[in-house]
Amino acid sequence: MITHTFAGLGLFLTGAAFSQVLAFAIAAWREDRRRRQIDDTLGPPSPDPSDRT
């Protein structure tokens, strides 16, 4: 009985971790797609003057 409990808990935690990774991957993909869409519309951002060496 304890083995089944631990197995179920392990599967639950594995599923939760996989869901979290999947959610972060989808969020990063959407953010990248949005940034590319903005760049396509407005062009790339201008260079930062403080970056000059």
N, C-alpha and C. Protein backbone atom coordinates (compact mmCIF):
# COMPACT_ATOMS: atom_id res chain seq x y z
N MET A 1 0.83 -1.20 0.00
CA MET A 1 0.00 0.00 0.00
C MET A 1 0.87 1.25 0.00
N ILE A 2 1.92 1.25 0.81
CA ILE A 2 2.80 2.42 0.87
C ILE A 2 3.50 2.61 -0.46
N THR A 3 3.88 1.50 -1.12
CA THR A 3 4.54 1.58 -2.42
C THR A 3 3.63 2.28 -3.43
N HIS A 4 2.36 1.94 -3.40
CA HIS A 4 1.42 2.57 -4.32
C HIS A 4 1.27 4.06 -4.01
N THR A 5 1.27 4.38 -2.76
CA THR A 5 1.15 5.78 -2.35
C THR A 5 2.34 6.60 -2.84
N PHE A 6 3.55 6.04 -2.62
CA PHE A 6 4.75 6.75 -3.07
C PHE A 6 4.82 6.82 -4.60
N ALA A 7 4.39 5.76 -5.25
CA ALA A 7 4.37 5.77 -6.72
C ALA A 7 3.40 6.83 -7.23
N GLY A 8 2.24 6.90 -6.63
CA GLY A 8 1.26 7.92 -7.03
C GLY A 8 1.76 9.32 -6.77
N LEU A 9 2.39 9.50 -5.61
CA LEU A 9 2.94 10.82 -5.29
C LEU A 9 4.05 11.19 -6.27
N GLY A 10 4.90 10.23 -6.60
CA GLY A 10 5.98 10.48 -7.56
C GLY A 10 5.44 10.85 -8.93
N LEU A 11 4.42 10.14 -9.38
CA LEU A 11 3.81 10.47 -10.67
C LEU A 11 3.16 11.85 -10.64
N PHE A 12 2.50 12.15 -9.53
CA PHE A 12 1.88 13.47 -9.41
C PHE A 12 2.91 14.58 -9.46
N LEU A 13 4.01 14.43 -8.71
CA LEU A 13 5.05 15.46 -8.69
C LEU A 13 5.76 15.56 -10.04
N THR A 14 5.97 14.43 -10.69
CA THR A 14 6.58 14.46 -12.02
C THR A 14 5.68 15.19 -13.00
N GLY A 15 4.40 14.90 -12.94
CA GLY A 15 3.45 15.58 -13.82
C GLY A 15 3.39 17.07 -13.53
N ALA A 16 3.44 17.43 -12.27
CA ALA A 16 3.40 18.85 -11.91
C ALA A 16 4.66 19.56 -12.41
N ALA A 17 5.80 18.92 -12.26
CA ALA A 17 7.05 19.53 -12.73
C ALA A 17 7.03 19.66 -14.25
N PHE A 18 6.55 18.63 -14.94
CA PHE A 18 6.47 18.69 -16.40
C PHE A 18 5.53 19.81 -16.84
N SER A 19 4.40 19.96 -16.15
CA SER A 19 3.45 21.01 -16.49
C SER A 19 4.07 22.39 -16.29
N GLN A 20 4.86 22.54 -15.24
CA GLN A 20 5.51 23.82 -14.96
C GLN A 20 6.52 24.15 -16.06
N VAL A 21 7.33 23.17 -16.44
CA VAL A 21 8.31 23.38 -17.52
C VAL A 21 7.60 23.72 -18.82
N LEU A 22 6.54 23.02 -19.11
CA LEU A 22 5.78 23.29 -20.33
C LEU A 22 5.19 24.70 -20.31
N ALA A 23 4.67 25.12 -19.17
CA ALA A 23 4.10 26.46 -19.06
C ALA A 23 5.16 27.54 -19.27
N PHE A 24 6.35 27.35 -18.68
CA PHE A 24 7.42 28.33 -18.86
C PHE A 24 7.89 28.36 -20.31
N ALA A 25 7.96 27.20 -20.96
CA ALA A 25 8.38 27.15 -22.36
C ALA A 25 7.38 27.88 -23.26
N ILE A 26 6.11 27.68 -23.01
CA ILE A 26 5.08 28.35 -23.81
C ILE A 26 5.13 29.85 -23.58
N ALA A 27 5.33 30.28 -22.34
CA ALA A 27 5.41 31.71 -22.05
C ALA A 27 6.63 32.34 -22.74
N ALA A 28 7.77 31.66 -22.72
CA ALA A 28 8.96 32.18 -23.38
C ALA A 28 8.77 32.24 -24.88
N TRP A 29 8.13 31.23 -25.45
CA TRP A 29 7.87 31.22 -26.89
C TRP A 29 6.94 32.37 -27.28
N ARG A 30 5.90 32.60 -26.49
CA ARG A 30 4.96 33.69 -26.79
C ARG A 30 5.63 35.05 -26.67
N GLU A 31 6.50 35.22 -25.66
CA GLU A 31 7.20 36.48 -25.49
C GLU A 31 8.16 36.72 -26.66
N ASP A 32 8.86 35.69 -27.09
CA ASP A 32 9.78 35.82 -28.22
C ASP A 32 9.01 36.15 -29.50
N ARG A 33 7.87 35.49 -29.69
CA ARG A 33 7.06 35.76 -30.87
C ARG A 33 6.54 37.19 -30.86
N ARG A 34 6.14 37.66 -29.69
CA ARG A 34 5.64 39.04 -29.58
C ARG A 34 6.76 40.04 -29.85
N ARG A 35 7.96 39.77 -29.33
CA ARG A 35 9.09 40.67 -29.56
C ARG A 35 9.45 40.72 -31.05
N ARG A 36 9.44 39.56 -31.72
CA ARG A 36 9.72 39.54 -33.15
C ARG A 36 8.66 40.29 -33.93
N GLN A 37 7.40 40.17 -33.49
CA GLN A 37 6.31 40.86 -34.17
C GLN A 37 6.48 42.38 -34.02
N ILE A 38 6.88 42.83 -32.85
CA ILE A 38 7.12 44.26 -32.63
C ILE A 38 8.29 44.74 -33.48
N ASP A 39 9.37 43.93 -33.52
CA ASP A 39 10.53 44.30 -34.34
C ASP A 39 10.17 44.36 -35.82
N ASP A 40 9.32 43.46 -36.28
CA ASP A 40 8.90 43.48 -37.68
C ASP A 40 8.08 44.72 -37.99
N THR A 41 7.30 45.17 -37.02
CA THR A 41 6.45 46.33 -37.23
C THR A 41 7.23 47.63 -37.12
N LEU A 42 8.03 47.76 -36.07
CA LEU A 42 8.71 49.03 -35.79
C LEU A 42 10.18 49.05 -36.20
N GLY A 43 10.72 47.91 -36.49
CA GLY A 43 12.14 47.83 -36.77
C GLY A 43 12.89 47.53 -35.48
N PRO A 44 14.18 47.20 -35.60
CA PRO A 44 14.95 46.87 -34.40
C PRO A 44 15.13 48.10 -33.51
N PRO A 45 15.35 47.90 -32.22
CA PRO A 45 15.53 49.05 -31.32
C PRO A 45 16.82 49.79 -31.66
N SER A 46 16.82 51.08 -31.39
CA SER A 46 18.01 51.88 -31.66
C SER A 46 19.10 51.50 -30.67
N PRO A 47 20.37 51.67 -31.05
CA PRO A 47 21.45 51.31 -30.12
C PRO A 47 21.47 52.23 -28.91
N ASP A 48 21.88 51.67 -27.80
CA ASP A 48 21.96 52.42 -26.55
C ASP A 48 23.25 53.24 -26.55
N PRO A 49 23.17 54.57 -26.38
CA PRO A 49 24.39 55.38 -26.43
C PRO A 49 25.38 55.05 -25.31
N SER A 50 24.92 54.48 -24.22
CA SER A 50 25.84 54.16 -23.13
C SER A 50 26.67 52.91 -23.43
N ASP A 51 26.36 52.18 -24.52
CA ASP A 51 27.11 50.99 -24.87
C ASP A 51 28.41 51.29 -25.61
N ARG A 52 28.62 52.53 -26.02
CA ARG A 52 29.83 52.88 -26.76
C ARG A 52 31.05 52.77 -25.86
N THR A 53 32.08 52.20 -26.43
CA THR A 53 33.33 52.07 -25.65
C THR A 53 34.42 52.92 -26.24
